[in-house]
């Protein structure tokens, strides 16, 4: 039997923040709070991306754009 897994990268939306926050908490000793992740999503709609596997968010990344530089989170 062969299974097909669907991998996708897409822009985050506010409905994703709870799952992204869960990943953040599971991954880091000092995780960003969900309100900050929500602000990052609002302020960086083109550069906050989520990785999905079979429609489940399994990863994320964001480039936070500042005036004089960009910050990869």
PDB file of N, CA and C in Angstrom:
ATOM      1  N   UNK A   1       0.839  -1.176   0.000  1.00  0.00           N
ATOM      2  CA  UNK A   1       0.000   0.000   0.000  1.00  0.00           C
ATOM      3  C   UNK A   1       0.886   1.242   0.000  1.00  0.00           C
ATOM      4  N   UNK A   2       0.576   2.158  -0.873  1.00  0.00           N
ATOM      5  CA  UNK A   2       1.341   3.392  -0.968  1.00  0.00           C
ATOM      6  C   UNK A   2       0.486   4.539  -0.446  1.00  0.00           C
ATOM      7  N   UNK A   3       1.078   5.363   0.411  1.00  0.00           N
ATOM      8  CA  UNK A   3       0.364   6.531   0.908  1.00  0.00           C
ATOM      9  C   UNK A   3       1.014   7.778   0.331  1.00  0.00           C
ATOM     10  N   UNK A   4       0.206   8.782   0.129  1.00  0.00           N
ATOM     11  CA  UNK A   4       0.691  10.052  -0.383  1.00  0.00           C
ATOM     12  C   UNK A   4       0.492  11.099   0.694  1.00  0.00           C
ATOM     13  N   UNK A   5       1.572  11.784   1.032  1.00  0.00           N
ATOM     14  CA  UNK A   5       1.482  12.859   2.003  1.00  0.00           C
ATOM     15  C   UNK A   5       1.541  14.185   1.267  1.00  0.00           C
ATOM     16  N   UNK A   6       0.707  15.104   1.690  1.00  0.00           N
ATOM     17  CA  UNK A   6       0.643  16.410   1.054  1.00  0.00           C
ATOM     18  C   UNK A   6       1.389  17.429   1.916  1.00  0.00           C
ATOM     19  N   UNK A   7       2.444  17.988   1.357  1.00  0.00           N
ATOM     20  CA  UNK A   7       3.236  19.015   2.025  1.00  0.00           C
ATOM     21  C   UNK A   7       2.939  20.345   1.346  1.00  0.00           C
ATOM     22  N   UNK A   8       2.747  21.382   2.151  1.00  0.00           N
ATOM     23  CA  UNK A   8       2.410  22.691   1.609  1.00  0.00           C
ATOM     24  C   UNK A   8       3.039  23.781   2.472  1.00  0.00           C
ATOM     25  N   UNK A   9       3.414  24.875   1.842  1.00  0.00           N
ATOM     26  CA  UNK A   9       3.863  26.076   2.546  1.00  0.00           C
ATOM     27  C   UNK A   9       2.917  27.186   2.145  1.00  0.00           C
ATOM     28  N   UNK A  10       2.396  27.885   3.154  1.00  0.00           N
ATOM     29  CA  UNK A  10       1.433  28.952   2.878  1.00  0.00           C
ATOM     30  C   UNK A  10       1.568  30.051   3.920  1.00  0.00           C
ATOM     31  N   UNK A  11       0.938  31.173   3.626  1.00  0.00           N
ATOM     32  CA  UNK A  11       0.921  32.279   4.581  1.00  0.00           C
ATOM     33  C   UNK A  11       0.081  31.891   5.797  1.00  0.00           C
ATOM     34  N   UNK A  12       0.517  32.360   6.943  1.00  0.00           N
ATOM     35  CA  UNK A  12      -0.219  32.121   8.184  1.00  0.00           C
ATOM     36  C   UNK A  12      -1.503  32.948   8.182  1.00  0.00           C
ATOM     37  N   UNK A  13      -2.482  32.510   8.940  1.00  0.00           N
ATOM     38  CA  UNK A  13      -3.654  33.344   9.220  1.00  0.00           C
ATOM     39  C   UNK A  13      -3.912  33.283  10.722  1.00  0.00           C
ATOM     40  N   UNK A  14      -4.749  34.179  11.193  1.00  0.00           N
ATOM     41  CA  UNK A  14      -4.962  34.280  12.635  1.00  0.00           C
ATOM     42  C   UNK A  14      -5.523  32.986  13.232  1.00  0.00           C
ATOM     43  N   UNK A  15      -6.233  32.206  12.449  1.00  0.00           N
ATOM     44  CA  UNK A  15      -6.758  30.928  12.947  1.00  0.00           C
ATOM     45  C   UNK A  15      -5.647  29.920  13.232  1.00  0.00           C
ATOM     46  N   UNK A  16      -4.459  30.152  12.682  1.00  0.00           N
ATOM     47  CA  UNK A  16      -3.324  29.247  12.867  1.00  0.00           C
ATOM     48  C   UNK A  16      -2.541  29.512  14.151  1.00  0.00           C
ATOM     49  N   UNK A  17      -2.766  30.644  14.777  1.00  0.00           N
ATOM     50  CA  UNK A  17      -1.896  31.081  15.877  1.00  0.00           C
ATOM     51  C   UNK A  17      -1.899  30.097  17.040  1.00  0.00           C
ATOM     52  N   UNK A  18      -3.022  29.508  17.364  1.00  0.00           N
ATOM     53  CA  UNK A  18      -3.063  28.552  18.481  1.00  0.00           C
ATOM     54  C   UNK A  18      -2.118  27.375  18.220  1.00  0.00           C
ATOM     55  N   UNK A  19      -2.161  26.824  17.013  1.00  0.00           N
ATOM     56  CA  UNK A  19      -1.279  25.690  16.676  1.00  0.00           C
ATOM     57  C   UNK A  19       0.179  26.130  16.624  1.00  0.00           C
ATOM     58  N   UNK A  20       0.447  27.300  16.052  1.00  0.00           N
ATOM     59  CA  UNK A  20       1.820  27.816  16.009  1.00  0.00           C
ATOM     60  C   UNK A  20       2.335  28.017  17.431  1.00  0.00           C
ATOM     61  N   UNK A  21       1.495  28.533  18.306  1.00  0.00           N
ATOM     62  CA  UNK A  21       1.879  28.737  19.702  1.00  0.00           C
ATOM     63  C   UNK A  21       2.187  27.403  20.384  1.00  0.00           C
ATOM     64  N   UNK A  22       1.429  26.374  20.083  1.00  0.00           N
ATOM     65  CA  UNK A  22       1.700  25.046  20.650  1.00  0.00           C
ATOM     66  C   UNK A  22       3.063  24.531  20.189  1.00  0.00           C
ATOM     67  N   UNK A  23       3.379  24.732  18.910  1.00  0.00           N
ATOM     68  CA  UNK A  23       4.694  24.326  18.399  1.00  0.00           C
ATOM     69  C   UNK A  23       5.805  25.125  19.072  1.00  0.00           C
ATOM     70  N   UNK A  24       5.582  26.418  19.236  1.00  0.00           N
ATOM     71  CA  UNK A  24       6.560  27.289  19.890  1.00  0.00           C
ATOM     72  C   UNK A  24       6.827  26.796  21.313  1.00  0.00           C
ATOM     73  N   UNK A  25       5.782  26.487  22.055  1.00  0.00           N
ATOM     74  CA  UNK A  25       5.929  26.036  23.437  1.00  0.00           C
ATOM     75  C   UNK A  25       6.622  24.682  23.522  1.00  0.00           C
ATOM     76  N   UNK A  26       6.358  23.818  22.562  1.00  0.00           N
ATOM     77  CA  UNK A  26       6.980  22.490  22.561  1.00  0.00           C
ATOM     78  C   UNK A  26       8.444  22.540  22.134  1.00  0.00           C
ATOM     79  N   UNK A  27       8.838  23.612  21.464  1.00  0.00           N
ATOM     80  CA  UNK A  27      10.172  23.680  20.870  1.00  0.00           C
ATOM     81  C   UNK A  27      11.192  24.477  21.673  1.00  0.00           C
ATOM     82  N   UNK A  28      10.735  25.409  22.504  1.00  0.00           N
ATOM     83  CA  UNK A  28      11.666  26.329  23.152  1.00  0.00           C
ATOM     84  C   UNK A  28      11.425  26.417  24.653  1.00  0.00           C
ATOM     85  N   UNK A  29      12.509  26.604  25.404  1.00  0.00           N
ATOM     86  CA  UNK A  29      12.403  26.781  26.853  1.00  0.00           C
ATOM     87  C   UNK A  29      11.779  28.118  27.221  1.00  0.00           C
ATOM     88  N   UNK A  30      11.974  29.125  26.374  1.00  0.00           N
ATOM     89  CA  UNK A  30      11.442  30.465  26.618  1.00  0.00           C
ATOM     90  C   UNK A  30      10.636  30.894  25.387  1.00  0.00           C
ATOM     91  N   UNK A  31       9.454  30.288  25.193  1.00  0.00           N
ATOM     92  CA  UNK A  31       8.698  30.524  23.957  1.00  0.00           C
ATOM     93  C   UNK A  31       8.093  31.923  23.895  1.00  0.00           C
ATOM     94  N   UNK A  32       7.918  32.390  22.666  1.00  0.00           N
ATOM     95  CA  UNK A  32       7.175  33.634  22.474  1.00  0.00           C
ATOM     96  C   UNK A  32       5.723  33.391  22.865  1.00  0.00           C
ATOM     97  N   UNK A  33       5.079  34.363  23.524  1.00  0.00           N
ATOM     98  CA  UNK A  33       3.663  34.208  23.876  1.00  0.00           C
ATOM     99  C   UNK A  33       2.783  34.312  22.630  1.00  0.00           C
ATOM    100  N   UNK A  34       1.597  33.750  22.716  1.00  0.00           N
ATOM    101  CA  UNK A  34       0.707  33.710  21.550  1.00  0.00           C
ATOM    102  C   UNK A  34       0.327  35.108  21.075  1.00  0.00           C
ATOM    103  N   UNK A  35       0.192  36.082  21.992  1.00  0.00           N
ATOM    104  CA  UNK A  35      -0.155  37.433  21.544  1.00  0.00           C
ATOM    105  C   UNK A  35       0.945  38.011  20.659  1.00  0.00           C
ATOM    106  N   UNK A  36       2.219  37.686  20.952  1.00  0.00           N
ATOM    107  CA  UNK A  36       3.326  38.177  20.134  1.00  0.00           C
ATOM    108  C   UNK A  36       3.316  37.501  18.765  1.00  0.00           C
ATOM    109  N   UNK A  37       3.040  36.207  18.728  1.00  0.00           N
ATOM    110  CA  UNK A  37       2.933  35.502  17.450  1.00  0.00           C
ATOM    111  C   UNK A  37       1.795  36.082  16.616  1.00  0.00           C
ATOM    112  N   UNK A  38       0.702  36.434  17.268  1.00  0.00           N
ATOM    113  CA  UNK A  38      -0.423  37.055  16.574  1.00  0.00           C
ATOM    114  C   UNK A  38      -0.023  38.410  15.994  1.00  0.00           C
ATOM    115  N   UNK A  39       0.738  39.192  16.752  1.00  0.00           N
ATOM    116  CA  UNK A  39       1.224  40.485  16.255  1.00  0.00           C
ATOM    117  C   UNK A  39       2.168  40.294  15.074  1.00  0.00           C
ATOM    118  N   UNK A  40       3.043  39.288  15.162  1.00  0.00           N
ATOM    119  CA  UNK A  40       3.947  39.005  14.047  1.00  0.00           C
ATOM    120  C   UNK A  40       3.155  38.642  12.796  1.00  0.00           C
ATOM    121  N   UNK A  41       2.103  37.857  12.951  1.00  0.00           N
ATOM    122  CA  UNK A  41       1.270  37.476  11.809  1.00  0.00           C
ATOM    123  C   UNK A  41       0.588  38.701  11.210  1.00  0.00           C
ATOM    124  N   UNK A  42       0.099  39.568  12.055  1.00  0.00           N
ATOM    125  CA  UNK A  42      -0.569  40.785  11.586  1.00  0.00           C
ATOM    126  C   UNK A  42       0.407  41.711  10.864  1.00  0.00           C
ATOM    127  N   UNK A  43       1.603  41.863  11.430  1.00  0.00           N
ATOM    128  CA  UNK A  43       2.574  42.819  10.896  1.00  0.00           C
ATOM    129  C   UNK A  43       3.394  42.283   9.727  1.00  0.00           C
ATOM    130  N   UNK A  44       3.416  40.969   9.532  1.00  0.00           N
ATOM    131  CA  UNK A  44       4.249  40.345   8.495  1.00  0.00           C
ATOM    132  C   UNK A  44       3.449  39.327   7.680  1.00  0.00           C
ATOM    133  N   UNK A  45       2.347  39.751   7.062  1.00  0.00           N
ATOM    134  CA  UNK A  45       1.481  38.785   6.379  1.00  0.00           C
ATOM    135  C   UNK A  45       2.138  38.076   5.200  1.00  0.00           C
ATOM    136  N   UNK A  46       3.152  38.681   4.608  1.00  0.00           N
ATOM    137  CA  UNK A  46       3.800  38.063   3.445  1.00  0.00           C
ATOM    138  C   UNK A  46       4.990  37.192   3.827  1.00  0.00           C
ATOM    139  N   UNK A  47       5.483  37.339   5.056  1.00  0.00           N
ATOM    140  CA  UNK A  47       6.714  36.630   5.429  1.00  0.00           C
ATOM    141  C   UNK A  47       6.553  35.726   6.647  1.00  0.00           C
ATOM    142  N   UNK A  48       5.341  35.543   7.127  1.00  0.00           N
ATOM    143  CA  UNK A  48       5.065  34.579   8.194  1.00  0.00           C
ATOM    144  C   UNK A  48       4.422  33.380   7.509  1.00  0.00           C
ATOM    145  N   UNK A  49       5.174  32.293   7.421  1.00  0.00           N
ATOM    146  CA  UNK A  49       4.738  31.122   6.672  1.00  0.00           C
ATOM    147  C   UNK A  49       4.599  29.908   7.586  1.00  0.00           C
ATOM    148  N   UNK A  50       3.675  29.041   7.240  1.00  0.00           N
ATOM    149  CA  UNK A  50       3.521  27.774   7.952  1.00  0.00           C
ATOM    150  C   UNK A  50       3.751  26.628   6.975  1.00  0.00           C
ATOM    151  N   UNK A  51       4.297  25.545   7.504  1.00  0.00           N
ATOM    152  CA  UNK A  51       4.492  24.305   6.760  1.00  0.00           C
ATOM    153  C   UNK A  51       3.416  23.338   7.219  1.00  0.00           C
ATOM    154  N   UNK A  52       2.659  22.799   6.270  1.00  0.00           N
ATOM    155  CA  UNK A  52       1.625  21.835   6.626  1.00  0.00           C
ATOM    156  C   UNK A  52       1.946  20.474   6.025  1.00  0.00           C
ATOM    157  N   UNK A  53       1.586  19.464   6.759  1.00  0.00           N
ATOM    158  CA  UNK A  53       1.681  18.080   6.311  1.00  0.00           C
ATOM    159  C   UNK A  53       0.286  17.493   6.461  1.00  0.00           C
ATOM    160  N   UNK A  54      -0.312  17.139   5.337  1.00  0.00           N
ATOM    161  CA  UNK A  54      -1.697  16.646   5.346  1.00  0.00           C
ATOM    162  C   UNK A  54      -2.626  17.614   6.083  1.00  0.00           C
ATOM    163  N   UNK A  55      -2.461  18.898   5.788  1.00  0.00           N
ATOM    164  CA  UNK A  55      -3.287  19.993   6.328  1.00  0.00           C
ATOM    165  C   UNK A  55      -3.088  20.255   7.816  1.00  0.00           C
ATOM    166  N   UNK A  56      -2.071  19.687   8.427  1.00  0.00           N
ATOM    167  CA  UNK A  56      -1.751  19.970   9.832  1.00  0.00           C
ATOM    168  C   UNK A  56      -0.468  20.790   9.876  1.00  0.00           C
ATOM    169  N   UNK A  57      -0.483  21.876  10.630  1.00  0.00           N
ATOM    170  CA  UNK A  57       0.704  22.722  10.744  1.00  0.00           C
ATOM    171  C   UNK A  57       1.765  21.977  11.535  1.00  0.00           C
ATOM    172  N   UNK A  58       2.935  21.811  10.919  1.00  0.00           N
ATOM    173  CA  UNK A  58       4.039  21.090  11.561  1.00  0.00           C
ATOM    174  C   UNK A  58       5.291  21.960  11.691  1.00  0.00           C
ATOM    175  N   UNK A  59       5.250  23.170  11.163  1.00  0.00           N
ATOM    176  CA  UNK A  59       6.391  24.072  11.263  1.00  0.00           C
ATOM    177  C   UNK A  59       5.993  25.468  10.833  1.00  0.00           C
ATOM    178  N   UNK A  60       6.850  26.420  11.143  1.00  0.00           N
ATOM    179  CA  UNK A  60       6.583  27.806  10.766  1.00  0.00           C
ATOM    180  C   UNK A  60       7.886  28.587  10.761  1.00  0.00           C
ATOM    181  N   UNK A  61       7.847  29.723  10.127  1.00  0.00           N
ATOM    182  CA  UNK A  61       8.968  30.653  10.110  1.00  0.00           C
ATOM    183  C   UNK A  61       8.440  32.033   9.778  1.00  0.00           C
ATOM    184  N   UNK A  62       9.124  33.029  10.270  1.00  0.00           N
ATOM    185  CA  UNK A  62       8.706  34.404   9.983  1.00  0.00           C
ATOM    186  C   UNK A  62       9.937  35.285   9.852  1.00  0.00           C
ATOM    187  N   UNK A  63       9.891  36.161   8.886  1.00  0.00           N
ATOM    188  CA  UNK A  63      10.885  37.222   8.768  1.00  0.00           C
ATOM    189  C   UNK A  63      10.181  38.492   9.214  1.00  0.00           C
ATOM    190  N   UNK A  64      10.629  39.037  10.339  1.00  0.00           N
ATOM    191  CA  UNK A  64      10.067  40.266  10.887  1.00  0.00           C
ATOM    192  C   UNK A  64      10.841  41.428  10.283  1.00  0.00           C
ATOM    193  N   UNK A  65      10.159  42.260   9.526  1.00  0.00           N
ATOM    194  CA  UNK A  65      10.819  43.363   8.827  1.00  0.00           C
ATOM    195  C   UNK A  65      10.882  44.591   9.730  1.00  0.00           C
ATOM    196  N   UNK A  66      12.102  45.068   9.935  1.00  0.00           N
ATOM    197  CA  UNK A  66      12.340  46.277  10.704  1.00  0.00           C
ATOM    198  C   UNK A  66      12.786  47.360   9.743  1.00  0.00           C
ATOM    199  N   UNK A  67      12.888  48.591  10.227  1.00  0.00           N
ATOM    200  CA  UNK A  67      13.288  49.693   9.352  1.00  0.00           C
ATOM    201  C   UNK A  67      14.638  49.465   8.701  1.00  0.00           C
ATOM    202  N   UNK A  68      15.624  49.056   9.481  1.00  0.00           N
ATOM    203  CA  UNK A  68      16.989  48.991   8.966  1.00  0.00           C
ATOM    204  C   UNK A  68      17.494  47.569   8.718  1.00  0.00           C
ATOM    205  N   UNK A  69      16.680  46.549   9.045  1.00  0.00           N
ATOM    206  CA  UNK A  69      17.088  45.165   8.795  1.00  0.00           C
ATOM    207  C   UNK A  69      15.892  44.223   8.958  1.00  0.00           C
ATOM    208  N   UNK A  70      16.096  42.991   8.576  1.00  0.00           N
ATOM    209  CA  UNK A  70      15.078  41.952   8.749  1.00  0.00           C
ATOM    210  C   UNK A  70      15.565  40.971   9.809  1.00  0.00           C
ATOM    211  N   UNK A  71      14.628  40.371  10.527  1.00  0.00           N
ATOM    212  CA  UNK A  71      14.951  39.449  11.614  1.00  0.00           C
ATOM    213  C   UNK A  71      14.237  38.126  11.349  1.00  0.00           C
ATOM    214  N   UNK A  72      15.000  37.052  11.182  1.00  0.00           N
ATOM    215  CA  UNK A  72      14.423  35.723  10.969  1.00  0.00           C
ATOM    216  C   UNK A  72      14.097  35.098  12.314  1.00  0.00           C
ATOM    217  N   UNK A  73      12.840  34.737  12.489  1.00  0.00           N
ATOM    218  CA  UNK A  73      12.389  34.134  13.744  1.00  0.00           C
ATOM    219  C   UNK A  73      12.021  32.694  13.469  1.00  0.00           C
TER     220      UNK A  73
END
